[in-house]
Amino acid sequence: MICMLISTDTSNYFLHLRLLIICQVISIWGEFRLKNRGQ
């Protein structure tokens, strides 16, 4: 997963948290698109 490739460096915690949230949103959106394409 792309989420796992994000560095866990906590020197910039808020940036890391924002990237993690964006990654999760993209993952959920991707799965949603795949399900819609299946139907």
PDB file of N, CA and C in Angstrom:
ATOM      1  N   MET A   1       0.824  -1.199   0.000  1.00  0.00           N
ATOM      2  CA  MET A   1       0.000   0.000   0.000  1.00  0.00           C
ATOM      3  C   MET A   1       0.865   1.258   0.000  1.00  0.00           C
ATOM      4  N   ILE A   2       0.372   2.277  -0.610  1.00  0.00           N
ATOM      5  CA  ILE A   2       1.097   3.546  -0.643  1.00  0.00           C
ATOM      6  C   ILE A   2       1.258   4.097   0.772  1.00  0.00           C
ATOM      7  N   CYS A   3       0.248   3.855   1.616  1.00  0.00           N
ATOM      8  CA  CYS A   3       0.277   4.379   2.992  1.00  0.00           C
ATOM      9  C   CYS A   3       1.518   3.892   3.725  1.00  0.00           C
ATOM     10  N   MET A   4       1.926   2.665   3.472  1.00  0.00           N
ATOM     11  CA  MET A   4       3.054   2.094   4.187  1.00  0.00           C
ATOM     12  C   MET A   4       4.379   2.711   3.733  1.00  0.00           C
ATOM     13  N   LEU A   5       4.396   3.297   2.531  1.00  0.00           N
ATOM     14  CA  LEU A   5       5.625   3.879   2.012  1.00  0.00           C
ATOM     15  C   LEU A   5       5.902   5.247   2.610  1.00  0.00           C
ATOM     16  N   ILE A   6       4.874   5.855   3.224  1.00  0.00           N
ATOM     17  CA  ILE A   6       5.053   7.167   3.824  1.00  0.00           C
ATOM     18  C   ILE A   6       5.964   7.048   5.039  1.00  0.00           C
ATOM     19  N   SER A   7       6.957   7.916   5.108  1.00  0.00           N
ATOM     20  CA  SER A   7       7.915   7.877   6.204  1.00  0.00           C
ATOM     21  C   SER A   7       7.226   8.089   7.541  1.00  0.00           C
ATOM     22  N   THR A   8       7.683   7.364   8.542  1.00  0.00           N
ATOM     23  CA  THR A   8       7.097   7.493   9.879  1.00  0.00           C
ATOM     24  C   THR A   8       7.905   8.488  10.706  1.00  0.00           C
ATOM     25  N   ASP A   9       8.655   9.362  10.037  1.00  0.00           N
ATOM     26  CA  ASP A   9       9.433  10.385  10.739  1.00  0.00           C
ATOM     27  C   ASP A   9       8.476  11.352  11.418  1.00  0.00           C
ATOM     28  N   THR A  10       8.607  11.480  12.724  1.00  0.00           N
ATOM     29  CA  THR A  10       7.663  12.298  13.489  1.00  0.00           C
ATOM     30  C   THR A  10       8.177  13.719  13.681  1.00  0.00           C
ATOM     31  N   SER A  11       9.210  14.107  12.926  1.00  0.00           N
ATOM     32  CA  SER A  11       9.731  15.470  13.060  1.00  0.00           C
ATOM     33  C   SER A  11       8.683  16.472  12.604  1.00  0.00           C
ATOM     34  N   ASN A  12       7.823  16.037  11.670  1.00  0.00           N
ATOM     35  CA  ASN A  12       6.732  16.899  11.220  1.00  0.00           C
ATOM     36  C   ASN A  12       5.453  16.079  11.316  1.00  0.00           C
ATOM     37  N   TYR A  13       4.953  15.961  12.561  1.00  0.00           N
ATOM     38  CA  TYR A  13       3.843  15.043  12.844  1.00  0.00           C
ATOM     39  C   TYR A  13       2.579  15.407  12.095  1.00  0.00           C
ATOM     40  N   PHE A  14       2.274  16.722  12.023  1.00  0.00           N
ATOM     41  CA  PHE A  14       1.024  17.123  11.378  1.00  0.00           C
ATOM     42  C   PHE A  14       1.069  16.856   9.877  1.00  0.00           C
ATOM     43  N   LEU A  15       2.220  17.046   9.265  1.00  0.00           N
ATOM     44  CA  LEU A  15       2.352  16.749   7.837  1.00  0.00           C
ATOM     45  C   LEU A  15       2.170  15.255   7.608  1.00  0.00           C
ATOM     46  N   HIS A  16       2.787  14.440   8.481  1.00  0.00           N
ATOM     47  CA  HIS A  16       2.662  12.982   8.368  1.00  0.00           C
ATOM     48  C   HIS A  16       1.207  12.556   8.528  1.00  0.00           C
ATOM     49  N   LEU A  17       0.510  13.168   9.497  1.00  0.00           N
ATOM     50  CA  LEU A  17      -0.885  12.816   9.751  1.00  0.00           C
ATOM     51  C   LEU A  17      -1.742  13.182   8.548  1.00  0.00           C
ATOM     52  N   ARG A  18      -1.473  14.341   7.947  1.00  0.00           N
ATOM     53  CA  ARG A  18      -2.245  14.795   6.792  1.00  0.00           C
ATOM     54  C   ARG A  18      -2.020  13.864   5.604  1.00  0.00           C
ATOM     55  N   LEU A  19      -0.776  13.458   5.385  1.00  0.00           N
ATOM     56  CA  LEU A  19      -0.485  12.533   4.284  1.00  0.00           C
ATOM     57  C   LEU A  19      -1.182  11.200   4.501  1.00  0.00           C
ATOM     58  N   LEU A  20      -1.224  10.743   5.749  1.00  0.00           N
ATOM     59  CA  LEU A  20      -1.858   9.469   6.069  1.00  0.00           C
ATOM     60  C   LEU A  20      -3.352   9.530   5.782  1.00  0.00           C
ATOM     61  N   ILE A  21      -3.993  10.653   6.169  1.00  0.00           N
ATOM     62  CA  ILE A  21      -5.429  10.818   5.929  1.00  0.00           C
ATOM     63  C   ILE A  21      -5.705  10.876   4.432  1.00  0.00           C
ATOM     64  N   ILE A  22      -4.892  11.631   3.692  1.00  0.00           N
ATOM     65  CA  ILE A  22      -5.076  11.733   2.243  1.00  0.00           C
ATOM     66  C   ILE A  22      -4.942  10.354   1.602  1.00  0.00           C
ATOM     67  N   CYS A  23      -3.962   9.583   2.069  1.00  0.00           N
ATOM     68  CA  CYS A  23      -3.748   8.242   1.518  1.00  0.00           C
ATOM     69  C   CYS A  23      -4.950   7.350   1.767  1.00  0.00           C
ATOM     70  N   GLN A  24      -5.517   7.420   2.975  1.00  0.00           N
ATOM     71  CA  GLN A  24      -6.680   6.591   3.283  1.00  0.00           C
ATOM     72  C   GLN A  24      -7.874   6.993   2.433  1.00  0.00           C
ATOM     73  N   VAL A  25      -8.053   8.304   2.235  1.00  0.00           N
ATOM     74  CA  VAL A  25      -9.175   8.783   1.413  1.00  0.00           C
ATOM     75  C   VAL A  25      -9.037   8.273  -0.017  1.00  0.00           C
ATOM     76  N   ILE A  26      -7.819   8.327  -0.558  1.00  0.00           N
ATOM     77  CA  ILE A  26      -7.581   7.842  -1.921  1.00  0.00           C
ATOM     78  C   ILE A  26      -7.841   6.341  -2.007  1.00  0.00           C
ATOM     79  N   SER A  27      -7.425   5.604  -0.985  1.00  0.00           N
ATOM     80  CA  SER A  27      -7.635   4.152  -0.976  1.00  0.00           C
ATOM     81  C   SER A  27      -9.119   3.815  -0.981  1.00  0.00           C
ATOM     82  N   ILE A  28      -9.884   4.488  -0.113  1.00  0.00           N
ATOM     83  CA  ILE A  28     -11.333   4.236  -0.034  1.00  0.00           C
ATOM     84  C   ILE A  28     -11.996   4.628  -1.348  1.00  0.00           C
ATOM     85  N   TRP A  29     -11.595   5.770  -1.918  1.00  0.00           N
ATOM     86  CA  TRP A  29     -12.173   6.231  -3.172  1.00  0.00           C
ATOM     87  C   TRP A  29     -11.867   5.240  -4.299  1.00  0.00           C
ATOM     88  N   GLY A  30     -10.649   4.688  -4.291  1.00  0.00           N
ATOM     89  CA  GLY A  30     -10.255   3.719  -5.314  1.00  0.00           C
ATOM     90  C   GLY A  30     -11.098   2.450  -5.237  1.00  0.00           C
ATOM     91  N   GLU A  31     -11.323   1.958  -4.015  1.00  0.00           N
ATOM     92  CA  GLU A  31     -12.141   0.761  -3.844  1.00  0.00           C
ATOM     93  C   GLU A  31     -13.577   1.037  -4.275  1.00  0.00           C
ATOM     94  N   PHE A  32     -14.070   2.237  -3.960  1.00  0.00           N
ATOM     95  CA  PHE A  32     -15.434   2.609  -4.332  1.00  0.00           C
ATOM     96  C   PHE A  32     -15.596   2.626  -5.852  1.00  0.00           C
ATOM     97  N   ARG A  33     -14.585   3.155  -6.560  1.00  0.00           N
ATOM     98  CA  ARG A  33     -14.627   3.188  -8.024  1.00  0.00           C
ATOM     99  C   ARG A  33     -14.619   1.776  -8.596  1.00  0.00           C
ATOM    100  N   LEU A  34     -13.793   0.900  -8.007  1.00  0.00           N
ATOM    101  CA  LEU A  34     -13.714  -0.474  -8.506  1.00  0.00           C
ATOM    102  C   LEU A  34     -15.049  -1.188  -8.337  1.00  0.00           C
ATOM    103  N   LYS A  35     -15.710  -0.948  -7.199  1.00  0.00           N
ATOM    104  CA  LYS A  35     -17.008  -1.593  -6.968  1.00  0.00           C
ATOM    105  C   LYS A  35     -18.041  -1.082  -7.965  1.00  0.00           C
ATOM    106  N   ASN A  36     -18.027   0.221  -8.231  1.00  0.00           N
ATOM    107  CA  ASN A  36     -18.991   0.789  -9.176  1.00  0.00           C
ATOM    108  C   ASN A  36     -18.727   0.272 -10.589  1.00  0.00           C
ATOM    109  N   ARG A  37     -17.454   0.090 -10.924  1.00  0.00           N
ATOM    110  CA  ARG A  37     -17.104  -0.411 -12.252  1.00  0.00           C
ATOM    111  C   ARG A  37     -17.578  -1.849 -12.416  1.00  0.00           C
ATOM    112  N   GLY A  38     -17.550  -2.616 -11.301  1.00  0.00           N
ATOM    113  CA  GLY A  38     -17.978  -4.011 -11.343  1.00  0.00           C
ATOM    114  C   GLY A  38     -19.459  -4.134 -11.658  1.00  0.00           C
ATOM    115  N   GLN A  39     -20.247  -3.157 -11.222  1.00  0.00           N
ATOM    116  CA  GLN A  39     -21.678  -3.189 -11.482  1.00  0.00           C
ATOM    117  C   GLN A  39     -21.972  -2.551 -12.807  1.00  0.00           C
TER     118      GLN A  39
END
